[in-house]
Amino acid sequence: MPTLNVVNIKCGGCEANIISSLEKVGLTNIIVDVAKQAVSFTGDEEIAKKKLADMGYPEASSPEAKKFSKKAKSFLSCLIGKIKK
């Protein structure tokens, strides 16, 4: 089971939206660890990386991790997750 270390996961709203969004692209067994900023799953790692980055949760080691635009996207994703809860 791959695990990606990402940035910008803030709360249960982020977690809920990440799980929902990754399920929609065919990933399963998704586990989000908010404290460790980690997402584990079963499925295609490249699809997960792209989807998470598009949502504002890029890999911690990527150049995108420092971009303000990704932080802003993650706040929107967080809000959506809280609404869906």
PDB file of N, CA and C in Angstrom:
ATOM      1  N   MET A   1       0.851  -1.182   0.000  1.00  0.00           N
ATOM      2  CA  MET A   1       0.000   0.000   0.000  1.00  0.00           C
ATOM      3  C   MET A   1       0.892   1.240   0.000  1.00  0.00           C
ATOM      4  N   PRO A   2       0.852   2.038  -1.075  1.00  0.00           N
ATOM      5  CA  PRO A   2       1.663   3.258  -1.119  1.00  0.00           C
ATOM      6  C   PRO A   2       1.206   4.293  -0.087  1.00  0.00           C
ATOM      7  N   THR A   3       2.155   5.066   0.399  1.00  0.00           N
ATOM      8  CA  THR A   3       1.859   6.184   1.289  1.00  0.00           C
ATOM      9  C   THR A   3       2.552   7.418   0.739  1.00  0.00           C
ATOM     10  N   LEU A   4       1.790   8.494   0.600  1.00  0.00           N
ATOM     11  CA  LEU A   4       2.343   9.762   0.131  1.00  0.00           C
ATOM     12  C   LEU A   4       2.374  10.749   1.288  1.00  0.00           C
ATOM     13  N   ASN A   5       3.508  11.403   1.470  1.00  0.00           N
ATOM     14  CA  ASN A   5       3.624  12.472   2.458  1.00  0.00           C
ATOM     15  C   ASN A   5       3.319  13.771   1.731  1.00  0.00           C
ATOM     16  N   VAL A   6       2.253  14.434   2.172  1.00  0.00           N
ATOM     17  CA  VAL A   6       1.763  15.633   1.501  1.00  0.00           C
ATOM     18  C   VAL A   6       1.783  16.824   2.454  1.00  0.00           C
ATOM     19  N   VAL A   7       1.338  17.969   1.974  1.00  0.00           N
ATOM     20  CA  VAL A   7       1.237  19.167   2.812  1.00  0.00           C
ATOM     21  C   VAL A   7      -0.203  19.695   2.784  1.00  0.00           C
ATOM     22  N   ASN A   8      -0.518  20.533   3.742  1.00  0.00           N
ATOM     23  CA  ASN A   8      -1.773  21.298   3.810  1.00  0.00           C
ATOM     24  C   ASN A   8      -2.983  20.543   4.362  1.00  0.00           C
ATOM     25  N   ILE A   9      -2.844  19.318   4.853  1.00  0.00           N
ATOM     26  CA  ILE A   9      -3.990  18.642   5.473  1.00  0.00           C
ATOM     27  C   ILE A   9      -4.180  19.265   6.849  1.00  0.00           C
ATOM     28  N   LYS A  10      -5.368  19.825   7.079  1.00  0.00           N
ATOM     29  CA  LYS A  10      -5.594  20.570   8.313  1.00  0.00           C
ATOM     30  C   LYS A  10      -6.586  19.924   9.274  1.00  0.00           C
ATOM     31  N   CYS A  11      -7.549  19.166   8.754  1.00  0.00           N
ATOM     32  CA  CYS A  11      -8.625  18.730   9.640  1.00  0.00           C
ATOM     33  C   CYS A  11      -9.404  17.555   9.051  1.00  0.00           C
ATOM     34  N   GLY A  12     -10.467  17.203   9.740  1.00  0.00           N
ATOM     35  CA  GLY A  12     -11.337  16.133   9.276  1.00  0.00           C
ATOM     36  C   GLY A  12     -12.061  16.474   7.986  1.00  0.00           C
ATOM     37  N   GLY A  13     -12.270  17.757   7.721  1.00  0.00           N
ATOM     38  CA  GLY A  13     -12.892  18.166   6.459  1.00  0.00           C
ATOM     39  C   GLY A  13     -11.975  17.858   5.289  1.00  0.00           C
ATOM     40  N   CYS A  14     -10.696  18.132   5.471  1.00  0.00           N
ATOM     41  CA  CYS A  14      -9.705  17.792   4.439  1.00  0.00           C
ATOM     42  C   CYS A  14      -9.709  16.282   4.226  1.00  0.00           C
ATOM     43  N   GLU A  15      -9.683  15.553   5.321  1.00  0.00           N
ATOM     44  CA  GLU A  15      -9.663  14.091   5.263  1.00  0.00           C
ATOM     45  C   GLU A  15     -10.864  13.550   4.494  1.00  0.00           C
ATOM     46  N   ALA A  16     -12.049  14.047   4.811  1.00  0.00           N
ATOM     47  CA  ALA A  16     -13.272  13.573   4.152  1.00  0.00           C
ATOM     48  C   ALA A  16     -13.250  13.845   2.654  1.00  0.00           C
ATOM     49  N   ASN A  17     -12.798  15.030   2.273  1.00  0.00           N
ATOM     50  CA  ASN A  17     -12.765  15.368   0.857  1.00  0.00           C
ATOM     51  C   ASN A  17     -11.687  14.586   0.108  1.00  0.00           C
ATOM     52  N   ILE A  18     -10.556  14.350   0.736  1.00  0.00           N
ATOM     53  CA  ILE A  18      -9.500  13.542   0.116  1.00  0.00           C
ATOM     54  C   ILE A  18     -10.005  12.130  -0.140  1.00  0.00           C
ATOM     55  N   ILE A  19     -10.624  11.523   0.859  1.00  0.00           N
ATOM     56  CA  ILE A  19     -11.133  10.156   0.702  1.00  0.00           C
ATOM     57  C   ILE A  19     -12.159  10.102  -0.420  1.00  0.00           C
ATOM     58  N   SER A  20     -13.114  11.011  -0.398  1.00  0.00           N
ATOM     59  CA  SER A  20     -14.167  11.035  -1.413  1.00  0.00           C
ATOM     60  C   SER A  20     -13.586  11.220  -2.820  1.00  0.00           C
ATOM     61  N   SER A  21     -12.666  12.145  -2.958  1.00  0.00           N
ATOM     62  CA  SER A  21     -12.092  12.445  -4.269  1.00  0.00           C
ATOM     63  C   SER A  21     -11.226  11.301  -4.797  1.00  0.00           C
ATOM     64  N   LEU A  22     -10.457  10.667  -3.921  1.00  0.00           N
ATOM     65  CA  LEU A  22      -9.621   9.556  -4.369  1.00  0.00           C
ATOM     66  C   LEU A  22     -10.460   8.324  -4.723  1.00  0.00           C
ATOM     67  N   GLU A  23     -11.556   8.128  -4.014  1.00  0.00           N
ATOM     68  CA  GLU A  23     -12.458   7.028  -4.365  1.00  0.00           C
ATOM     69  C   GLU A  23     -13.043   7.231  -5.763  1.00  0.00           C
ATOM     70  N   LYS A  24     -13.350   8.473  -6.102  1.00  0.00           N
ATOM     71  CA  LYS A  24     -13.932   8.778  -7.412  1.00  0.00           C
ATOM     72  C   LYS A  24     -12.980   8.466  -8.568  1.00  0.00           C
ATOM     73  N   VAL A  25     -11.671   8.468  -8.307  1.00  0.00           N
ATOM     74  CA  VAL A  25     -10.717   8.140  -9.370  1.00  0.00           C
ATOM     75  C   VAL A  25     -10.242   6.691  -9.282  1.00  0.00           C
ATOM     76  N   GLY A  26     -10.941   5.882  -8.488  1.00  0.00           N
ATOM     77  CA  GLY A  26     -10.703   4.444  -8.474  1.00  0.00           C
ATOM     78  C   GLY A  26      -9.770   3.901  -7.411  1.00  0.00           C
ATOM     79  N   LEU A  27      -9.343   4.728  -6.467  1.00  0.00           N
ATOM     80  CA  LEU A  27      -8.478   4.236  -5.398  1.00  0.00           C
ATOM     81  C   LEU A  27      -9.338   3.661  -4.270  1.00  0.00           C
ATOM     82  N   THR A  28      -8.771   2.725  -3.527  1.00  0.00           N
ATOM     83  CA  THR A  28      -9.503   2.074  -2.428  1.00  0.00           C
ATOM     84  C   THR A  28      -8.636   2.055  -1.169  1.00  0.00           C
ATOM     85  N   ASN A  29      -9.224   1.607  -0.078  1.00  0.00           N
ATOM     86  CA  ASN A  29      -8.518   1.463   1.212  1.00  0.00           C
ATOM     87  C   ASN A  29      -7.753   2.735   1.586  1.00  0.00           C
ATOM     88  N   ILE A  30      -8.405   3.868   1.451  1.00  0.00           N
ATOM     89  CA  ILE A  30      -7.753   5.163   1.670  1.00  0.00           C
ATOM     90  C   ILE A  30      -7.714   5.491   3.158  1.00  0.00           C
ATOM     91  N   ILE A  31      -6.523   5.811   3.626  1.00  0.00           N
ATOM     92  CA  ILE A  31      -6.328   6.205   5.023  1.00  0.00           C
ATOM     93  C   ILE A  31      -5.607   7.547   5.019  1.00  0.00           C
ATOM     94  N   VAL A  32      -6.198   8.534   5.677  1.00  0.00           N
ATOM     95  CA  VAL A  32      -5.585   9.858   5.781  1.00  0.00           C
ATOM     96  C   VAL A  32      -5.168  10.079   7.225  1.00  0.00           C
ATOM     97  N   ASP A  33      -3.902  10.337   7.438  1.00  0.00           N
ATOM     98  CA  ASP A  33      -3.374  10.639   8.769  1.00  0.00           C
ATOM     99  C   ASP A  33      -3.088  12.133   8.819  1.00  0.00           C
ATOM    100  N   VAL A  34      -4.007  12.871   9.433  1.00  0.00           N
ATOM    101  CA  VAL A  34      -3.900  14.329   9.482  1.00  0.00           C
ATOM    102  C   VAL A  34      -2.620  14.756  10.207  1.00  0.00           C
ATOM    103  N   ALA A  35      -2.326  14.132  11.335  1.00  0.00           N
ATOM    104  CA  ALA A  35      -1.159  14.519  12.135  1.00  0.00           C
ATOM    105  C   ALA A  35       0.152  14.297  11.395  1.00  0.00           C
ATOM    106  N   LYS A  36       0.238  13.216  10.637  1.00  0.00           N
ATOM    107  CA  LYS A  36       1.480  12.904   9.911  1.00  0.00           C
ATOM    108  C   LYS A  36       1.493  13.452   8.490  1.00  0.00           C
ATOM    109  N   GLN A  37       0.370  14.076   8.069  1.00  0.00           N
ATOM    110  CA  GLN A  37       0.270  14.610   6.706  1.00  0.00           C
ATOM    111  C   GLN A  37       0.549  13.507   5.679  1.00  0.00           C
ATOM    112  N   ALA A  38      -0.101  12.357   5.882  1.00  0.00           N
ATOM    113  CA  ALA A  38       0.146  11.204   5.023  1.00  0.00           C
ATOM    114  C   ALA A  38      -1.168  10.623   4.504  1.00  0.00           C
ATOM    115  N   VAL A  39      -1.118  10.128   3.265  1.00  0.00           N
ATOM    116  CA  VAL A  39      -2.274   9.482   2.646  1.00  0.00           C
ATOM    117  C   VAL A  39      -1.823   8.125   2.119  1.00  0.00           C
ATOM    118  N   SER A  40      -2.463   7.064   2.622  1.00  0.00           N
ATOM    119  CA  SER A  40      -2.183   5.702   2.165  1.00  0.00           C
ATOM    120  C   SER A  40      -3.389   5.201   1.389  1.00  0.00           C
ATOM    121  N   PHE A  41      -3.160   4.308   0.443  1.00  0.00           N
ATOM    122  CA  PHE A  41      -4.243   3.845  -0.421  1.00  0.00           C
ATOM    123  C   PHE A  41      -3.801   2.620  -1.202  1.00  0.00           C
ATOM    124  N   THR A  42      -4.762   1.993  -1.841  1.00  0.00           N
ATOM    125  CA  THR A  42      -4.494   0.931  -2.790  1.00  0.00           C
ATOM    126  C   THR A  42      -4.884   1.467  -4.155  1.00  0.00           C
ATOM    127  N   GLY A  43      -3.957   1.379  -5.117  1.00  0.00           N
ATOM    128  CA  GLY A  43      -4.249   1.866  -6.456  1.00  0.00           C
ATOM    129  C   GLY A  43      -3.043   2.529  -7.088  1.00  0.00           C
ATOM    130  N   ASP A  44      -3.293   3.243  -8.164  1.00  0.00           N
ATOM    131  CA  ASP A  44      -2.243   3.869  -8.967  1.00  0.00           C
ATOM    132  C   ASP A  44      -1.674   5.099  -8.261  1.00  0.00           C
ATOM    133  N   GLU A  45      -0.388   5.049  -7.969  1.00  0.00           N
ATOM    134  CA  GLU A  45       0.268   6.131  -7.231  1.00  0.00           C
ATOM    135  C   GLU A  45       0.305   7.433  -8.026  1.00  0.00           C
ATOM    136  N   GLU A  46       0.501   7.358  -9.322  1.00  0.00           N
ATOM    137  CA  GLU A  46       0.564   8.572 -10.144  1.00  0.00           C
ATOM    138  C   GLU A  46      -0.790   9.280 -10.196  1.00  0.00           C
ATOM    139  N   ILE A  47      -1.863   8.509 -10.268  1.00  0.00           N
ATOM    140  CA  ILE A  47      -3.213   9.101 -10.241  1.00  0.00           C
ATOM    141  C   ILE A  47      -3.425   9.810  -8.906  1.00  0.00           C
ATOM    142  N   ALA A  48      -3.012   9.170  -7.820  1.00  0.00           N
ATOM    143  CA  ALA A  48      -3.170   9.768  -6.492  1.00  0.00           C
ATOM    144  C   ALA A  48      -2.370  11.063  -6.368  1.00  0.00           C
ATOM    145  N   LYS A  49      -1.123  11.046  -6.827  1.00  0.00           N
ATOM    146  CA  LYS A  49      -0.278  12.246  -6.755  1.00  0.00           C
ATOM    147  C   LYS A  49      -0.915  13.412  -7.508  1.00  0.00           C
ATOM    148  N   LYS A  50      -1.396  13.141  -8.710  1.00  0.00           N
ATOM    149  CA  LYS A  50      -2.002  14.198  -9.524  1.00  0.00           C
ATOM    150  C   LYS A  50      -3.269  14.737  -8.875  1.00  0.00           C
ATOM    151  N   LYS A  51      -4.138  13.835  -8.427  1.00  0.00           N
ATOM    152  CA  LYS A  51      -5.402  14.259  -7.821  1.00  0.00           C
ATOM    153  C   LYS A  51      -5.149  15.080  -6.555  1.00  0.00           C
ATOM    154  N   LEU A  52      -4.255  14.593  -5.700  1.00  0.00           N
ATOM    155  CA  LEU A  52      -3.957  15.321  -4.464  1.00  0.00           C
ATOM    156  C   LEU A  52      -3.364  16.698  -4.752  1.00  0.00           C
ATOM    157  N   ALA A  53      -2.447  16.776  -5.704  1.00  0.00           N
ATOM    158  CA  ALA A  53      -1.857  18.072  -6.061  1.00  0.00           C
ATOM    159  C   ALA A  53      -2.917  19.019  -6.615  1.00  0.00           C
ATOM    160  N   ASP A  54      -3.815  18.490  -7.444  1.00  0.00           N
ATOM    161  CA  ASP A  54      -4.897  19.315  -8.003  1.00  0.00           C
ATOM    162  C   ASP A  54      -5.809  19.861  -6.911  1.00  0.00           C
ATOM    163  N   MET A  55      -5.946  19.106  -5.818  1.00  0.00           N
ATOM    164  CA  MET A  55      -6.806  19.522  -4.706  1.00  0.00           C
ATOM    165  C   MET A  55      -6.102  20.480  -3.745  1.00  0.00           C
ATOM    166  N   GLY A  56      -4.783  20.633  -3.885  1.00  0.00           N
ATOM    167  CA  GLY A  56      -4.035  21.511  -2.986  1.00  0.00           C
ATOM    168  C   GLY A  56      -3.225  20.765  -1.948  1.00  0.00           C
ATOM    169  N   TYR A  57      -3.044  19.449  -2.137  1.00  0.00           N
ATOM    170  CA  TYR A  57      -2.273  18.616  -1.213  1.00  0.00           C
ATOM    171  C   TYR A  57      -1.110  17.946  -1.942  1.00  0.00           C
ATOM    172  N   PRO A  58      -0.149  18.738  -2.443  1.00  0.00           N
ATOM    173  CA  PRO A  58       0.973  18.137  -3.177  1.00  0.00           C
ATOM    174  C   PRO A  58       1.924  17.393  -2.243  1.00  0.00           C
ATOM    175  N   GLU A  59       2.750  16.550  -2.825  1.00  0.00           N
ATOM    176  CA  GLU A  59       3.761  15.845  -2.041  1.00  0.00           C
ATOM    177  C   GLU A  59       4.684  16.854  -1.373  1.00  0.00           C
ATOM    178  N   ALA A  60       5.073  16.557  -0.151  1.00  0.00           N
ATOM    179  CA  ALA A  60       5.916  17.469   0.632  1.00  0.00           C
ATOM    180  C   ALA A  60       7.247  17.742  -0.047  1.00  0.00           C
ATOM    181  N   SER A  61       7.748  16.786  -0.807  1.00  0.00           N
ATOM    182  CA  SER A  61       9.051  16.939  -1.451  1.00  0.00           C
ATOM    183  C   SER A  61       8.985  17.638  -2.810  1.00  0.00           C
ATOM    184  N   SER A  62       7.791  17.974  -3.262  1.00  0.00           N
ATOM    185  CA  SER A  62       7.638  18.579  -4.592  1.00  0.00           C
ATOM    186  C   SER A  62       7.781  20.099  -4.536  1.00  0.00           C
ATOM    187  N   PRO A  63       8.152  20.710  -5.668  1.00  0.00           N
ATOM    188  CA  PRO A  63       8.226  22.180  -5.722  1.00  0.00           C
ATOM    189  C   PRO A  63       6.861  22.836  -5.463  1.00  0.00           C
ATOM    190  N   GLU A  64       5.788  22.128  -5.794  1.00  0.00           N
ATOM    191  CA  GLU A  64       4.434  22.667  -5.596  1.00  0.00           C
ATOM    192  C   GLU A  64       4.097  22.863  -4.123  1.00  0.00           C
ATOM    193  N   ALA A  65       4.769  22.151  -3.245  1.00  0.00           N
ATOM    194  CA  ALA A  65       4.459  22.194  -1.812  1.00  0.00           C
ATOM    195  C   ALA A  65       4.597  23.592  -1.220  1.00  0.00           C
ATOM    196  N   LYS A  66       5.412  24.422  -1.830  1.00  0.00           N
ATOM    197  CA  LYS A  66       5.649  25.772  -1.301  1.00  0.00           C
ATOM    198  C   LYS A  66       4.795  26.847  -1.971  1.00  0.00           C
ATOM    199  N   LYS A  67       3.991  26.459  -2.939  1.00  0.00           N
ATOM    200  CA  LYS A  67       3.201  27.443  -3.678  1.00  0.00           C
ATOM    201  C   LYS A  67       1.973  27.892  -2.890  1.00  0.00           C
ATOM    202  N   PHE A  68       1.765  29.202  -2.859  1.00  0.00           N
ATOM    203  CA  PHE A  68       0.606  29.763  -2.172  1.00  0.00           C
ATOM    204  C   PHE A  68      -0.695  29.272  -2.795  1.00  0.00           C
ATOM    205  N   SER A  69      -0.709  29.104  -4.105  1.00  0.00           N
ATOM    206  CA  SER A  69      -1.941  28.667  -4.780  1.00  0.00           C
ATOM    207  C   SER A  69      -2.395  27.297  -4.288  1.00  0.00           C
ATOM    208  N   LYS A  70      -1.454  26.424  -3.947  1.00  0.00           N
ATOM    209  CA  LYS A  70      -1.813  25.094  -3.435  1.00  0.00           C
ATOM    210  C   LYS A  70      -2.408  25.216  -2.035  1.00  0.00           C
ATOM    211  N   LYS A  71      -1.878  26.123  -1.232  1.00  0.00           N
ATOM    212  CA  LYS A  71      -2.448  26.336   0.101  1.00  0.00           C
ATOM    213  C   LYS A  71      -3.872  26.850  -0.012  1.00  0.00           C
ATOM    214  N   ALA A  72      -4.099  27.775  -0.934  1.00  0.00           N
ATOM    215  CA  ALA A  72      -5.444  28.323  -1.125  1.00  0.00           C
ATOM    216  C   ALA A  72      -6.413  27.234  -1.580  1.00  0.00           C
ATOM    217  N   LYS A  73      -5.980  26.390  -2.512  1.00  0.00           N
ATOM    218  CA  LYS A  73      -6.833  25.300  -2.977  1.00  0.00           C
ATOM    219  C   LYS A  73      -7.164  24.344  -1.842  1.00  0.00           C
ATOM    220  N   SER A  74      -6.200  24.104  -0.963  1.00  0.00           N
ATOM    221  CA  SER A  74      -6.450  23.171   0.135  1.00  0.00           C
ATOM    222  C   SER A  74      -7.504  23.727   1.096  1.00  0.00           C
ATOM    223  N   PHE A  75      -7.538  25.049   1.282  1.00  0.00           N
ATOM    224  CA  PHE A  75      -8.576  25.640   2.138  1.00  0.00           C
ATOM    225  C   PHE A  75      -9.959  25.434   1.530  1.00  0.00           C
ATOM    226  N   LEU A  76     -10.058  25.572   0.216  1.00  0.00           N
ATOM    227  CA  LEU A  76     -11.332  25.326  -0.465  1.00  0.00           C
ATOM    228  C   LEU A  76     -11.721  23.859  -0.336  1.00  0.00           C
ATOM    229  N   SER A  77     -10.775  22.971  -0.528  1.00  0.00           N
ATOM    230  CA  SER A  77     -11.029  21.537  -0.396  1.00  0.00           C
ATOM    231  C   SER A  77     -11.485  21.204   1.026  1.00  0.00           C
ATOM    232  N   CYS A  78     -10.847  21.816   1.997  1.00  0.00           N
ATOM    233  CA  CYS A  78     -11.200  21.623   3.403  1.00  0.00           C
ATOM    234  C   CYS A  78     -12.650  22.036   3.648  1.00  0.00           C
ATOM    235  N   LEU A  79     -13.030  23.194   3.132  1.00  0.00           N
ATOM    236  CA  LEU A  79     -14.392  23.697   3.280  1.00  0.00           C
ATOM    237  C   LEU A  79     -15.411  22.734   2.662  1.00  0.00           C
ATOM    238  N   ILE A  80     -15.094  22.247   1.481  1.00  0.00           N
ATOM    239  CA  ILE A  80     -15.997  21.292   0.797  1.00  0.00           C
ATOM    240  C   ILE A  80     -16.147  20.038   1.666  1.00  0.00           C
ATOM    241  N   GLY A  81     -15.043  19.555   2.197  1.00  0.00           N
ATOM    242  CA  GLY A  81     -15.100  18.362   3.052  1.00  0.00           C
ATOM    243  C   GLY A  81     -15.937  18.579   4.287  1.00  0.00           C
ATOM    244  N   LYS A  82     -15.845  19.763   4.889  1.00  0.00           N
ATOM    245  CA  LYS A  82     -16.653  20.056   6.079  1.00  0.00           C
ATOM    246  C   LYS A  82     -18.129  20.116   5.746  1.00  0.00           C
ATOM    247  N   ILE A  83     -18.458  20.631   4.589  1.00  0.00           N
ATOM    248  CA  ILE A  83     -19.859  20.725   4.173  1.00  0.00           C
ATOM    249  C   ILE A  83     -20.432  19.338   3.925  1.00  0.00           C
ATOM    250  N   LYS A  84     -19.644  18.456   3.336  1.00  0.00           N
ATOM    251  CA  LYS A  84     -20.082  17.092   3.013  1.00  0.00           C
ATOM    252  C   LYS A  84     -20.257  16.219   4.252  1.00  0.00           C
ATOM    253  N   LYS A  85     -19.542  16.546   5.347  1.00  0.00           N
ATOM    254  CA  LYS A  85     -19.569  15.712   6.554  1.00  0.00           C
ATOM    255  C   LYS A  85     -20.939  15.546   7.125  1.00  0.00           C
TER     256      LYS A  85
END
